[in-house]
């Protein structure tokens, strides 16, 4: 008995090319990737939690699409 899982990556940043967060997160997530996650559990792993802007924005994006979000920082 196994657990079916898929690993995918999304690049997210509120810094852009700056050294300071501009407060407006940008994501490279496709519509198809979001649709494929509907009604599933997504684990979001944040490798650098500082302002929280990027993580907050990504959580809102996923939660609004009926995706169950779990967070690891």
N, C-alpha and C. Protein backbone atom coordinates (compact mmCIF):
# COMPACT_ATOMS: atom_id res chain seq x y z
N UNK A 1 0.85 -1.16 0.00
CA UNK A 1 0.00 0.00 0.00
C UNK A 1 0.90 1.23 0.00
N UNK A 2 0.78 2.05 -1.00
CA UNK A 2 1.60 3.24 -1.11
C UNK A 2 0.76 4.50 -1.15
N UNK A 3 1.45 5.59 -1.10
CA UNK A 3 0.80 6.89 -1.19
C UNK A 3 1.18 7.50 -2.53
N UNK A 4 0.18 7.79 -3.33
CA UNK A 4 0.44 8.41 -4.62
C UNK A 4 0.84 9.87 -4.39
N UNK A 5 1.95 10.28 -4.97
CA UNK A 5 2.41 11.66 -4.80
C UNK A 5 3.10 12.16 -6.05
N UNK A 6 3.12 13.45 -6.18
CA UNK A 6 3.79 14.12 -7.29
C UNK A 6 4.57 15.29 -6.72
N UNK A 7 5.78 15.48 -7.18
CA UNK A 7 6.60 16.61 -6.74
C UNK A 7 6.75 17.57 -7.90
N UNK A 8 6.47 18.81 -7.63
CA UNK A 8 6.66 19.86 -8.64
C UNK A 8 7.17 21.10 -7.94
N UNK A 9 7.75 21.98 -8.69
CA UNK A 9 8.36 23.17 -8.11
C UNK A 9 7.74 24.43 -8.70
N UNK A 10 7.64 25.43 -7.85
CA UNK A 10 7.16 26.75 -8.26
C UNK A 10 8.16 27.76 -7.75
N UNK A 11 8.63 28.61 -8.61
CA UNK A 11 9.53 29.67 -8.19
C UNK A 11 8.68 30.88 -7.81
N UNK A 12 8.90 31.38 -6.62
CA UNK A 12 8.12 32.52 -6.14
C UNK A 12 9.07 33.51 -5.48
N UNK A 13 8.83 34.79 -5.69
CA UNK A 13 9.69 35.82 -5.11
C UNK A 13 8.96 37.14 -5.01
N UNK A 14 9.19 37.88 -3.92
CA UNK A 14 8.68 39.25 -3.83
C UNK A 14 9.84 40.23 -3.95
N UNK A 15 11.03 39.71 -4.28
CA UNK A 15 12.21 40.55 -4.42
C UNK A 15 12.48 40.97 -5.86
N UNK A 16 12.20 40.09 -6.80
CA UNK A 16 12.55 40.39 -8.19
C UNK A 16 14.05 40.51 -8.30
N UNK A 17 14.52 41.57 -8.89
CA UNK A 17 15.97 41.81 -9.04
C UNK A 17 16.50 42.71 -7.93
N UNK A 18 15.64 43.08 -6.98
CA UNK A 18 16.03 43.97 -5.90
C UNK A 18 16.53 43.18 -4.70
N UNK A 19 17.14 43.87 -3.75
CA UNK A 19 17.59 43.25 -2.51
C UNK A 19 16.57 43.45 -1.40
N UNK A 20 15.51 44.20 -1.69
CA UNK A 20 14.45 44.47 -0.71
C UNK A 20 13.13 44.05 -1.33
N UNK A 21 12.28 43.41 -0.53
CA UNK A 21 10.97 42.97 -1.01
C UNK A 21 10.13 44.16 -1.43
N UNK A 22 9.48 44.04 -2.59
CA UNK A 22 8.58 45.10 -3.03
C UNK A 22 7.15 44.83 -2.57
N UNK A 23 6.94 43.71 -1.86
CA UNK A 23 5.63 43.39 -1.33
C UNK A 23 4.65 42.81 -2.34
N UNK A 24 5.09 42.64 -3.58
CA UNK A 24 4.23 42.11 -4.64
C UNK A 24 4.83 40.81 -5.17
N UNK A 25 4.42 39.68 -4.60
CA UNK A 25 5.00 38.40 -5.02
C UNK A 25 4.73 38.08 -6.48
N UNK A 26 5.70 37.45 -7.11
CA UNK A 26 5.57 36.99 -8.50
C UNK A 26 5.81 35.49 -8.50
N UNK A 27 5.03 34.75 -9.28
CA UNK A 27 5.11 33.29 -9.32
C UNK A 27 5.22 32.82 -10.76
N UNK A 28 5.93 31.72 -10.95
CA UNK A 28 5.96 31.11 -12.27
C UNK A 28 5.15 29.82 -12.24
N UNK A 29 3.88 29.93 -11.92
CA UNK A 29 3.00 28.78 -11.85
C UNK A 29 1.98 28.87 -12.98
N UNK A 30 1.85 27.79 -13.72
CA UNK A 30 0.93 27.78 -14.86
C UNK A 30 -0.49 27.46 -14.42
N UNK A 31 -1.44 27.86 -15.23
CA UNK A 31 -2.85 27.58 -14.95
C UNK A 31 -3.08 26.07 -14.90
N UNK A 32 -2.42 25.32 -15.77
CA UNK A 32 -2.57 23.86 -15.80
C UNK A 32 -2.09 23.23 -14.49
N UNK A 33 -0.98 23.75 -13.95
CA UNK A 33 -0.45 23.22 -12.71
C UNK A 33 -1.42 23.48 -11.55
N UNK A 34 -2.01 24.66 -11.52
CA UNK A 34 -2.98 24.98 -10.47
C UNK A 34 -4.22 24.10 -10.60
N UNK A 35 -4.72 23.93 -11.81
CA UNK A 35 -5.91 23.10 -12.03
C UNK A 35 -5.65 21.66 -11.60
N UNK A 36 -4.45 21.14 -11.87
CA UNK A 36 -4.13 19.76 -11.52
C UNK A 36 -4.05 19.55 -10.01
N UNK A 37 -3.93 20.62 -9.23
CA UNK A 37 -3.86 20.52 -7.77
C UNK A 37 -5.22 20.65 -7.09
N UNK A 38 -6.26 20.96 -7.83
CA UNK A 38 -7.57 21.19 -7.22
C UNK A 38 -8.02 19.97 -6.43
N UNK A 39 -8.53 20.23 -5.22
CA UNK A 39 -9.01 19.19 -4.30
C UNK A 39 -7.90 18.25 -3.83
N UNK A 40 -6.65 18.70 -3.88
CA UNK A 40 -5.53 17.90 -3.41
C UNK A 40 -4.78 18.67 -2.33
N UNK A 41 -3.87 17.99 -1.68
CA UNK A 41 -3.04 18.61 -0.65
C UNK A 41 -1.72 19.05 -1.28
N UNK A 42 -1.34 20.29 -0.99
CA UNK A 42 -0.07 20.82 -1.48
C UNK A 42 0.79 21.19 -0.28
N UNK A 43 2.03 20.76 -0.30
CA UNK A 43 2.99 21.14 0.73
C UNK A 43 3.84 22.27 0.17
N UNK A 44 3.83 23.39 0.84
CA UNK A 44 4.63 24.54 0.43
C UNK A 44 5.84 24.61 1.35
N UNK A 45 7.03 24.53 0.76
CA UNK A 45 8.27 24.60 1.53
C UNK A 45 8.94 25.93 1.21
N UNK A 46 9.11 26.74 2.24
CA UNK A 46 9.73 28.06 2.08
C UNK A 46 11.15 27.97 2.61
N UNK A 47 12.13 28.20 1.73
CA UNK A 47 13.53 28.08 2.13
C UNK A 47 14.07 29.32 2.81
N UNK A 48 13.34 30.43 2.77
CA UNK A 48 13.83 31.66 3.40
C UNK A 48 12.63 32.51 3.80
N UNK A 49 12.21 32.40 5.03
CA UNK A 49 11.06 33.15 5.52
C UNK A 49 11.57 34.44 6.14
N UNK A 50 11.19 35.57 5.55
CA UNK A 50 11.60 36.85 6.12
C UNK A 50 10.39 37.77 6.26
N UNK A 51 9.94 38.41 5.21
CA UNK A 51 8.79 39.31 5.32
C UNK A 51 7.47 38.55 5.34
N UNK A 52 7.44 37.35 4.76
CA UNK A 52 6.21 36.58 4.68
C UNK A 52 5.33 36.94 3.50
N UNK A 53 5.71 37.96 2.74
CA UNK A 53 4.89 38.41 1.60
C UNK A 53 4.73 37.32 0.54
N UNK A 54 5.81 36.68 0.19
CA UNK A 54 5.77 35.66 -0.85
C UNK A 54 4.93 34.47 -0.41
N UNK A 55 5.19 33.98 0.79
CA UNK A 55 4.46 32.82 1.32
C UNK A 55 2.98 33.14 1.46
N UNK A 56 2.65 34.29 2.00
CA UNK A 56 1.25 34.70 2.16
C UNK A 56 0.53 34.74 0.82
N UNK A 57 1.17 35.33 -0.17
CA UNK A 57 0.57 35.44 -1.50
C UNK A 57 0.35 34.09 -2.15
N UNK A 58 1.32 33.19 -2.00
CA UNK A 58 1.20 31.86 -2.60
C UNK A 58 0.09 31.06 -1.90
N UNK A 59 0.00 31.17 -0.59
CA UNK A 59 -1.06 30.48 0.15
C UNK A 59 -2.43 30.98 -0.31
N UNK A 60 -2.59 32.28 -0.45
CA UNK A 60 -3.86 32.84 -0.92
C UNK A 60 -4.19 32.35 -2.32
N UNK A 61 -3.20 32.34 -3.20
CA UNK A 61 -3.41 31.88 -4.57
C UNK A 61 -3.91 30.44 -4.59
N UNK A 62 -3.26 29.57 -3.84
CA UNK A 62 -3.64 28.16 -3.83
C UNK A 62 -4.96 27.93 -3.11
N UNK A 63 -5.16 28.57 -1.98
CA UNK A 63 -6.39 28.38 -1.21
C UNK A 63 -7.62 28.84 -1.99
N UNK A 64 -7.47 29.87 -2.77
CA UNK A 64 -8.59 30.37 -3.58
C UNK A 64 -8.95 29.41 -4.71
N UNK A 65 -8.11 28.45 -4.98
CA UNK A 65 -8.35 27.46 -6.05
C UNK A 65 -8.76 26.11 -5.48
N UNK A 66 -9.21 26.09 -4.23
CA UNK A 66 -9.67 24.86 -3.56
C UNK A 66 -8.56 23.82 -3.45
N UNK A 67 -7.38 24.29 -3.07
CA UNK A 67 -6.23 23.43 -2.85
C UNK A 67 -5.92 23.48 -1.36
N UNK A 68 -5.75 22.35 -0.73
CA UNK A 68 -5.45 22.28 0.70
C UNK A 68 -3.96 22.52 0.89
N UNK A 69 -3.61 23.56 1.64
CA UNK A 69 -2.21 23.99 1.75
C UNK A 69 -1.65 23.64 3.12
N UNK A 70 -0.48 23.00 3.12
CA UNK A 70 0.31 22.73 4.32
C UNK A 70 1.63 23.47 4.15
N UNK A 71 2.16 24.01 5.21
CA UNK A 71 3.36 24.86 5.10
C UNK A 71 4.50 24.29 5.93
N UNK A 72 5.69 24.31 5.33
CA UNK A 72 6.93 23.96 6.02
C UNK A 72 7.90 25.10 5.78
N UNK A 73 8.41 25.65 6.88
CA UNK A 73 9.39 26.74 6.77
C UNK A 73 10.70 26.29 7.33
